[in-house]
Amino acid sequence: MAKTVFVLNGPNMNLLGTREPHLYGHATLKDVEALCRKTAAEHKLAVEFRQSNHEGEIVEWLQEAGAKKAAGVVLNPAGFTTTSVAIHDAIKAIAVPVIETHITNIHAREEWRRHSYVSLVAKAVICGFGIEGYALAIAGIAALGQNKSKR
């Protein structure tokens, strides 16, 4: 049975393709999901792909990923990046690598976007590569799993 990568998306990510395309591009969340499934399959991983505008639901999904001993989590916390202590604490509570992923380079944007509660507890951060950042994150999780099995 293939190990699973949880790909979790925060608020407003359901608007990809129409929301500020000059920043986020024209790809939709369905396009992101297709990219994630293709990349995961190349690494013999399964995908749980989800999006929510509700913080508590993302916390519950992180806990689920931990309980199911997922290979890892690709998390685009979106607007919760700068505000969510609850998501921070959920990541700390699970023994699963979390890769924080953003479509834009949050460090090249408004000052207030540069602080991330998630970065403080994430295994890695990928930002600024557009939706390709999701594929990079999945490849990173696959590499972490391979390194773990070689020990």
N, C-alpha and C. Protein backbone atom coordinates (compact mmCIF):
# COMPACT_ATOMS: atom_id res chain seq x y z
N MET A 1 0.84 -1.19 0.00
CA MET A 1 0.00 0.00 0.00
C MET A 1 0.89 1.25 0.00
N ALA A 2 0.59 2.18 -0.87
CA ALA A 2 1.39 3.41 -0.99
C ALA A 2 1.19 4.30 0.23
N LYS A 3 2.28 4.93 0.62
CA LYS A 3 2.20 5.94 1.67
C LYS A 3 1.44 7.14 1.10
N THR A 4 0.81 7.89 1.97
CA THR A 4 -0.03 9.01 1.54
C THR A 4 0.59 10.35 1.91
N VAL A 5 0.50 11.29 0.98
CA VAL A 5 0.84 12.69 1.23
C VAL A 5 -0.47 13.46 1.32
N PHE A 6 -0.64 14.19 2.40
CA PHE A 6 -1.78 15.08 2.53
C PHE A 6 -1.40 16.42 1.92
N VAL A 7 -2.20 16.92 0.99
CA VAL A 7 -1.99 18.24 0.42
C VAL A 7 -3.16 19.09 0.90
N LEU A 8 -2.85 20.03 1.79
CA LEU A 8 -3.88 20.83 2.45
C LEU A 8 -3.75 22.29 2.04
N ASN A 9 -4.88 22.88 1.69
CA ASN A 9 -4.92 24.26 1.21
C ASN A 9 -5.86 25.08 2.07
N GLY A 10 -5.41 26.27 2.42
CA GLY A 10 -6.17 27.15 3.28
C GLY A 10 -7.15 28.06 2.55
N PRO A 11 -7.56 29.12 3.23
CA PRO A 11 -8.65 29.96 2.75
C PRO A 11 -8.35 30.64 1.42
N ASN A 12 -9.40 30.70 0.63
CA ASN A 12 -9.42 31.36 -0.67
C ASN A 12 -8.66 30.63 -1.76
N MET A 13 -8.03 29.52 -1.44
CA MET A 13 -7.32 28.77 -2.47
C MET A 13 -8.30 28.18 -3.49
N ASN A 14 -9.55 28.03 -3.11
CA ASN A 14 -10.58 27.57 -4.04
C ASN A 14 -10.84 28.60 -5.15
N LEU A 15 -10.33 29.81 -4.99
CA LEU A 15 -10.51 30.87 -5.98
C LEU A 15 -9.35 30.98 -6.97
N LEU A 16 -8.39 30.06 -6.87
CA LEU A 16 -7.25 30.10 -7.79
C LEU A 16 -7.75 30.12 -9.23
N GLY A 17 -7.07 30.86 -10.06
CA GLY A 17 -7.45 30.99 -11.45
C GLY A 17 -8.22 32.25 -11.73
N THR A 18 -8.94 32.71 -10.70
CA THR A 18 -9.70 33.96 -10.84
C THR A 18 -9.25 35.01 -9.83
N ARG A 19 -8.68 34.59 -8.73
CA ARG A 19 -8.24 35.51 -7.68
C ARG A 19 -6.85 36.06 -8.02
N GLU A 20 -6.75 37.35 -8.21
CA GLU A 20 -5.49 38.03 -8.46
C GLU A 20 -4.55 37.24 -9.38
N PRO A 21 -4.99 36.97 -10.60
CA PRO A 21 -4.15 36.16 -11.49
C PRO A 21 -2.79 36.78 -11.77
N HIS A 22 -2.65 38.08 -11.60
CA HIS A 22 -1.33 38.70 -11.78
C HIS A 22 -0.34 38.24 -10.71
N LEU A 23 -0.84 37.76 -9.58
CA LEU A 23 0.01 37.21 -8.52
C LEU A 23 0.04 35.69 -8.54
N TYR A 24 -1.12 35.08 -8.65
CA TYR A 24 -1.26 33.64 -8.46
C TYR A 24 -1.34 32.85 -9.77
N GLY A 25 -1.43 33.53 -10.89
CA GLY A 25 -1.51 32.84 -12.18
C GLY A 25 -2.93 32.44 -12.51
N HIS A 26 -3.05 31.68 -13.58
CA HIS A 26 -4.37 31.28 -14.08
C HIS A 26 -4.71 29.83 -13.77
N ALA A 27 -3.80 29.09 -13.17
CA ALA A 27 -4.07 27.70 -12.81
C ALA A 27 -5.14 27.66 -11.72
N THR A 28 -6.00 26.68 -11.81
CA THR A 28 -7.06 26.50 -10.82
C THR A 28 -6.60 25.49 -9.76
N LEU A 29 -7.40 25.36 -8.71
CA LEU A 29 -7.09 24.37 -7.68
C LEU A 29 -7.17 22.96 -8.26
N LYS A 30 -8.03 22.74 -9.24
CA LYS A 30 -8.09 21.43 -9.92
C LYS A 30 -6.77 21.16 -10.66
N ASP A 31 -6.18 22.21 -11.24
CA ASP A 31 -4.88 22.06 -11.89
C ASP A 31 -3.80 21.68 -10.87
N VAL A 32 -3.86 22.31 -9.71
CA VAL A 32 -2.90 22.00 -8.64
C VAL A 32 -3.08 20.55 -8.21
N GLU A 33 -4.33 20.13 -8.05
CA GLU A 33 -4.58 18.75 -7.65
C GLU A 33 -4.04 17.76 -8.68
N ALA A 34 -4.28 18.04 -9.96
CA ALA A 34 -3.77 17.15 -11.02
C ALA A 34 -2.25 17.07 -10.98
N LEU A 35 -1.57 18.20 -10.78
CA LEU A 35 -0.12 18.22 -10.68
C LEU A 35 0.35 17.39 -9.48
N CYS A 36 -0.33 17.55 -8.35
CA CYS A 36 0.04 16.81 -7.14
C CYS A 36 -0.14 15.31 -7.33
N ARG A 37 -1.23 14.91 -7.93
CA ARG A 37 -1.48 13.48 -8.15
C ARG A 37 -0.45 12.88 -9.11
N LYS A 38 -0.12 13.62 -10.16
CA LYS A 38 0.87 13.15 -11.13
C LYS A 38 2.24 13.01 -10.46
N THR A 39 2.64 14.04 -9.71
CA THR A 39 3.95 14.02 -9.06
C THR A 39 4.01 12.91 -8.01
N ALA A 40 2.96 12.78 -7.22
CA ALA A 40 2.94 11.74 -6.20
C ALA A 40 3.03 10.35 -6.82
N ALA A 41 2.31 10.13 -7.91
CA ALA A 41 2.35 8.83 -8.58
C ALA A 41 3.77 8.51 -9.06
N GLU A 42 4.48 9.51 -9.53
CA GLU A 42 5.87 9.30 -9.98
C GLU A 42 6.76 8.83 -8.83
N HIS A 43 6.37 9.17 -7.61
CA HIS A 43 7.13 8.79 -6.42
C HIS A 43 6.47 7.64 -5.65
N LYS A 44 5.47 7.03 -6.29
CA LYS A 44 4.74 5.90 -5.69
C LYS A 44 4.08 6.30 -4.37
N LEU A 45 3.49 7.50 -4.37
CA LEU A 45 2.76 8.01 -3.21
C LEU A 45 1.31 8.24 -3.61
N ALA A 46 0.42 8.12 -2.64
CA ALA A 46 -0.99 8.47 -2.82
C ALA A 46 -1.21 9.89 -2.29
N VAL A 47 -2.32 10.50 -2.66
CA VAL A 47 -2.59 11.88 -2.27
C VAL A 47 -3.98 12.01 -1.65
N GLU A 48 -4.05 12.71 -0.53
CA GLU A 48 -5.31 13.22 0.03
C GLU A 48 -5.26 14.71 -0.23
N PHE A 49 -6.09 15.22 -1.11
CA PHE A 49 -6.05 16.63 -1.52
C PHE A 49 -7.29 17.33 -0.98
N ARG A 50 -7.06 18.40 -0.20
CA ARG A 50 -8.18 19.07 0.47
C ARG A 50 -7.98 20.58 0.53
N GLN A 51 -9.09 21.30 0.62
CA GLN A 51 -9.06 22.76 0.77
C GLN A 51 -10.17 23.14 1.73
N SER A 52 -9.86 24.10 2.61
CA SER A 52 -10.89 24.61 3.51
C SER A 52 -10.65 26.08 3.81
N ASN A 53 -11.74 26.78 4.01
CA ASN A 53 -11.69 28.17 4.46
C ASN A 53 -11.80 28.25 5.98
N HIS A 54 -11.78 27.09 6.64
CA HIS A 54 -11.99 27.03 8.09
C HIS A 54 -10.76 26.47 8.80
N GLU A 55 -10.22 27.25 9.70
CA GLU A 55 -9.00 26.91 10.42
C GLU A 55 -9.10 25.58 11.16
N GLY A 56 -10.19 25.36 11.87
CA GLY A 56 -10.35 24.14 12.66
C GLY A 56 -10.34 22.89 11.81
N GLU A 57 -10.87 22.98 10.61
CA GLU A 57 -10.87 21.83 9.72
C GLU A 57 -9.44 21.47 9.31
N ILE A 58 -8.62 22.48 9.06
CA ILE A 58 -7.22 22.23 8.71
C ILE A 58 -6.48 21.60 9.89
N VAL A 59 -6.76 22.07 11.09
CA VAL A 59 -6.17 21.48 12.29
C VAL A 59 -6.55 20.00 12.38
N GLU A 60 -7.82 19.69 12.15
CA GLU A 60 -8.26 18.29 12.22
C GLU A 60 -7.59 17.44 11.14
N TRP A 61 -7.38 17.99 9.95
CA TRP A 61 -6.72 17.24 8.88
C TRP A 61 -5.25 16.99 9.22
N LEU A 62 -4.60 17.96 9.84
CA LEU A 62 -3.22 17.75 10.28
C LEU A 62 -3.16 16.62 11.30
N GLN A 63 -4.09 16.63 12.24
CA GLN A 63 -4.15 15.56 13.24
C GLN A 63 -4.41 14.22 12.58
N GLU A 64 -5.28 14.20 11.58
CA GLU A 64 -5.56 12.96 10.84
C GLU A 64 -4.29 12.45 10.13
N ALA A 65 -3.55 13.36 9.51
CA ALA A 65 -2.30 12.97 8.84
C ALA A 65 -1.34 12.35 9.85
N GLY A 66 -1.27 12.92 11.04
CA GLY A 66 -0.42 12.36 12.08
C GLY A 66 -0.89 10.99 12.53
N ALA A 67 -2.19 10.86 12.75
CA ALA A 67 -2.75 9.58 13.21
C ALA A 67 -2.56 8.48 12.17
N LYS A 68 -2.63 8.84 10.89
CA LYS A 68 -2.48 7.86 9.81
C LYS A 68 -1.02 7.67 9.40
N LYS A 69 -0.11 8.35 10.11
CA LYS A 69 1.32 8.25 9.81
C LYS A 69 1.60 8.50 8.33
N ALA A 70 1.05 9.61 7.85
CA ALA A 70 1.24 10.00 6.45
C ALA A 70 2.73 10.17 6.15
N ALA A 71 3.08 10.04 4.88
CA ALA A 71 4.46 10.27 4.46
C ALA A 71 4.85 11.72 4.73
N GLY A 72 3.88 12.61 4.65
CA GLY A 72 4.12 14.02 4.91
C GLY A 72 2.90 14.85 4.56
N VAL A 73 3.03 16.13 4.81
CA VAL A 73 1.96 17.07 4.51
C VAL A 73 2.55 18.23 3.71
N VAL A 74 1.91 18.54 2.59
CA VAL A 74 2.19 19.76 1.86
C VAL A 74 1.09 20.72 2.27
N LEU A 75 1.46 21.81 2.92
CA LEU A 75 0.47 22.73 3.47
C LEU A 75 0.65 24.12 2.90
N ASN A 76 -0.38 24.59 2.21
CA ASN A 76 -0.44 26.00 1.84
C ASN A 76 -1.46 26.62 2.78
N PRO A 77 -0.97 27.23 3.88
CA PRO A 77 -1.89 27.76 4.87
C PRO A 77 -2.59 29.05 4.43
N ALA A 78 -2.13 29.61 3.31
CA ALA A 78 -2.73 30.83 2.76
C ALA A 78 -2.86 31.89 3.86
N GLY A 79 -4.04 32.46 4.02
CA GLY A 79 -4.24 33.53 4.99
C GLY A 79 -3.97 33.15 6.44
N PHE A 80 -3.94 31.86 6.74
CA PHE A 80 -3.65 31.42 8.11
C PHE A 80 -2.15 31.43 8.41
N THR A 81 -1.33 31.64 7.40
CA THR A 81 0.12 31.67 7.58
C THR A 81 0.51 32.64 8.68
N THR A 82 -0.04 33.82 8.64
CA THR A 82 0.37 34.91 9.52
C THR A 82 -0.44 35.01 10.80
N THR A 83 -1.43 34.13 10.95
CA THR A 83 -2.34 34.30 12.10
C THR A 83 -2.55 33.07 12.96
N SER A 84 -2.24 31.87 12.46
CA SER A 84 -2.75 30.68 13.14
C SER A 84 -1.78 30.00 14.08
N VAL A 85 -1.94 30.29 15.34
CA VAL A 85 -1.23 29.56 16.39
C VAL A 85 -1.79 28.13 16.47
N ALA A 86 -3.06 27.96 16.17
CA ALA A 86 -3.68 26.63 16.23
C ALA A 86 -3.06 25.69 15.20
N ILE A 87 -2.82 26.16 13.99
CA ILE A 87 -2.17 25.33 12.97
C ILE A 87 -0.73 25.07 13.37
N HIS A 88 -0.04 26.08 13.88
CA HIS A 88 1.32 25.91 14.40
C HIS A 88 1.36 24.78 15.42
N ASP A 89 0.47 24.83 16.40
CA ASP A 89 0.44 23.83 17.47
C ASP A 89 0.09 22.44 16.94
N ALA A 90 -0.80 22.36 15.94
CA ALA A 90 -1.15 21.06 15.37
C ALA A 90 0.06 20.44 14.67
N ILE A 91 0.83 21.25 13.98
CA ILE A 91 2.03 20.74 13.31
C ILE A 91 3.03 20.23 14.35
N LYS A 92 3.21 20.98 15.43
CA LYS A 92 4.12 20.55 16.49
C LYS A 92 3.69 19.22 17.11
N ALA A 93 2.39 18.96 17.10
CA ALA A 93 1.85 17.79 17.79
C ALA A 93 1.92 16.50 16.97
N ILE A 94 2.26 16.60 15.69
CA ILE A 94 2.28 15.40 14.86
C ILE A 94 3.72 15.05 14.46
N ALA A 95 3.97 13.76 14.31
CA ALA A 95 5.31 13.29 13.95
C ALA A 95 5.37 13.01 12.45
N VAL A 96 4.97 14.01 11.67
CA VAL A 96 4.92 13.91 10.21
C VAL A 96 5.57 15.17 9.66
N PRO A 97 6.46 15.05 8.67
CA PRO A 97 7.06 16.26 8.11
C PRO A 97 6.03 17.10 7.35
N VAL A 98 6.05 18.40 7.63
CA VAL A 98 5.15 19.35 6.97
C VAL A 98 6.01 20.31 6.16
N ILE A 99 5.67 20.44 4.89
CA ILE A 99 6.36 21.40 4.03
C ILE A 99 5.39 22.53 3.72
N GLU A 100 5.71 23.70 4.23
CA GLU A 100 4.90 24.89 3.98
C GLU A 100 5.15 25.33 2.54
N THR A 101 4.07 25.56 1.80
CA THR A 101 4.18 25.86 0.39
C THR A 101 3.32 27.08 0.05
N HIS A 102 3.90 28.00 -0.70
CA HIS A 102 3.17 29.18 -1.17
C HIS A 102 3.44 29.37 -2.65
N ILE A 103 2.44 29.78 -3.37
CA ILE A 103 2.57 30.02 -4.81
C ILE A 103 3.46 31.23 -5.07
N THR A 104 3.27 32.28 -4.30
CA THR A 104 4.08 33.49 -4.46
C THR A 104 5.22 33.47 -3.45
N ASN A 105 6.19 34.34 -3.66
CA ASN A 105 7.26 34.52 -2.68
C ASN A 105 6.74 35.48 -1.62
N ILE A 106 6.32 34.94 -0.50
CA ILE A 106 5.72 35.77 0.55
C ILE A 106 6.72 36.77 1.12
N HIS A 107 8.00 36.53 0.96
CA HIS A 107 9.03 37.43 1.49
C HIS A 107 9.26 38.64 0.59
N ALA A 108 8.73 38.60 -0.62
CA ALA A 108 8.85 39.71 -1.55
C ALA A 108 7.56 40.52 -1.62
N ARG A 109 6.64 40.24 -0.71
CA ARG A 109 5.34 40.91 -0.70
C ARG A 109 5.25 41.85 0.50
N GLU A 110 4.05 42.17 0.91
CA GLU A 110 3.86 43.10 2.02
C GLU A 110 4.58 42.60 3.28
N GLU A 111 5.05 43.53 4.08
CA GLU A 111 5.80 43.20 5.29
C GLU A 111 5.04 42.22 6.18
N TRP A 112 3.75 42.41 6.35
CA TRP A 112 2.99 41.57 7.27
C TRP A 112 2.87 40.13 6.78
N ARG A 113 3.08 39.87 5.49
CA ARG A 113 3.03 38.50 4.97
C ARG A 113 4.32 37.73 5.26
N ARG A 114 5.34 38.41 5.70
CA ARG A 114 6.66 37.78 5.87
C ARG A 114 6.80 36.98 7.16
N HIS A 115 5.88 37.15 8.08
CA HIS A 115 5.92 36.37 9.32
C HIS A 115 5.01 35.17 9.17
N SER A 116 5.53 34.00 9.43
CA SER A 116 4.74 32.77 9.33
C SER A 116 4.85 31.97 10.62
N TYR A 117 3.70 31.74 11.24
CA TYR A 117 3.67 30.83 12.39
C TYR A 117 3.98 29.40 11.95
N VAL A 118 3.65 29.08 10.72
CA VAL A 118 3.87 27.73 10.20
C VAL A 118 5.35 27.46 9.98
N SER A 119 6.08 28.44 9.45
CA SER A 119 7.51 28.26 9.18
C SER A 119 8.30 27.87 10.43
N LEU A 120 7.84 28.32 11.56
CA LEU A 120 8.55 28.05 12.81
C LEU A 120 8.58 26.56 13.14
N VAL A 121 7.62 25.79 12.59
CA VAL A 121 7.53 24.37 12.92
C VAL A 121 7.54 23.47 11.69
N ALA A 122 7.60 24.04 10.50
CA ALA A 122 7.63 23.25 9.27
C ALA A 122 9.02 22.64 9.06
N LYS A 123 9.06 21.51 8.40
CA LYS A 123 10.33 20.89 8.03
C LYS A 123 11.05 21.73 6.99
N ALA A 124 10.28 22.34 6.08
CA ALA A 124 10.85 23.16 5.01
C ALA A 124 9.79 24.13 4.51
N VAL A 125 10.25 25.12 3.76
CA VAL A 125 9.35 26.12 3.18
C VAL A 125 9.71 26.28 1.70
N ILE A 126 8.69 26.23 0.86
CA ILE A 126 8.87 26.46 -0.58
C ILE A 126 7.93 27.58 -0.98
N CYS A 127 8.47 28.63 -1.57
CA CYS A 127 7.62 29.72 -2.02
C CYS A 127 8.20 30.38 -3.26
N GLY A 128 7.29 30.91 -4.09
CA GLY A 128 7.71 31.67 -5.24
C GLY A 128 7.85 30.89 -6.53
N PHE A 129 7.56 29.60 -6.53
CA PHE A 129 7.69 28.78 -7.74
C PHE A 129 6.35 28.58 -8.45
N GLY A 130 5.33 29.33 -8.09
CA GLY A 130 4.01 29.10 -8.65
C GLY A 130 3.49 27.75 -8.17
N ILE A 131 2.60 27.16 -8.95
CA ILE A 131 2.05 25.87 -8.51
C ILE A 131 3.09 24.76 -8.54
N GLU A 132 4.19 24.97 -9.25
CA GLU A 132 5.26 23.96 -9.28
C GLU A 132 5.84 23.72 -7.89
N GLY A 133 5.65 24.67 -6.98
CA GLY A 133 6.09 24.49 -5.61
C GLY A 133 5.47 23.27 -4.95
N TYR A 134 4.25 22.94 -5.33
CA TYR A 134 3.60 21.74 -4.79
C TYR A 134 4.35 20.49 -5.23
N ALA A 135 4.73 20.45 -6.51
CA ALA A 135 5.49 19.28 -7.01
C ALA A 135 6.83 19.18 -6.30
N LEU A 136 7.49 20.31 -6.09
CA LEU A 136 8.77 20.31 -5.37
C LEU A 136 8.58 19.79 -3.94
N ALA A 137 7.51 20.19 -3.30
CA ALA A 137 7.24 19.75 -1.93
C ALA A 137 7.00 18.24 -1.88
N ILE A 138 6.24 17.72 -2.82
CA ILE A 138 5.99 16.28 -2.85
C ILE A 138 7.29 15.52 -3.11
N ALA A 139 8.10 16.02 -4.02
CA ALA A 139 9.41 15.39 -4.27
C ALA A 139 10.26 15.43 -3.00
N GLY A 140 10.18 16.51 -2.26
CA GLY A 140 10.92 16.62 -1.00
C GLY A 140 10.46 15.60 0.02
N ILE A 141 9.16 15.41 0.12
CA ILE A 141 8.63 14.41 1.05
C ILE A 141 9.08 13.01 0.62
N ALA A 142 9.04 12.75 -0.67
CA ALA A 142 9.51 11.44 -1.17
C ALA A 142 10.97 11.23 -0.81
N ALA A 143 11.79 12.26 -0.98
CA ALA A 143 13.21 12.16 -0.65
C ALA A 143 13.42 11.92 0.85
N LEU A 144 12.63 12.59 1.67
CA LEU A 144 12.73 12.37 3.12
C LEU A 144 12.43 10.91 3.45
N GLY A 145 11.40 10.34 2.81
CA GLY A 145 11.04 8.95 3.05
C GLY A 145 12.12 7.99 2.61
N GLN A 146 12.76 8.29 1.49
CA GLN A 146 13.84 7.44 0.99
C GLN A 146 15.04 7.51 1.93
N ASN A 147 15.36 8.68 2.40
CA ASN A 147 16.49 8.82 3.34
C ASN A 147 16.21 8.10 4.64
N LYS A 148 14.97 8.14 5.10
CA LYS A 148 14.59 7.46 6.33
C LYS A 148 14.73 5.95 6.18
N SER A 149 14.32 5.41 5.02
CA SER A 149 14.39 3.95 4.83
C SER A 149 15.81 3.45 4.62
N LYS A 150 16.73 4.34 4.32
CA LYS A 150 18.13 3.93 4.12
C LYS A 150 18.93 3.88 5.41
N ARG A 151 18.32 4.34 6.49
CA ARG A 151 19.03 4.34 7.78
C ARG A 151 19.11 2.99 8.40
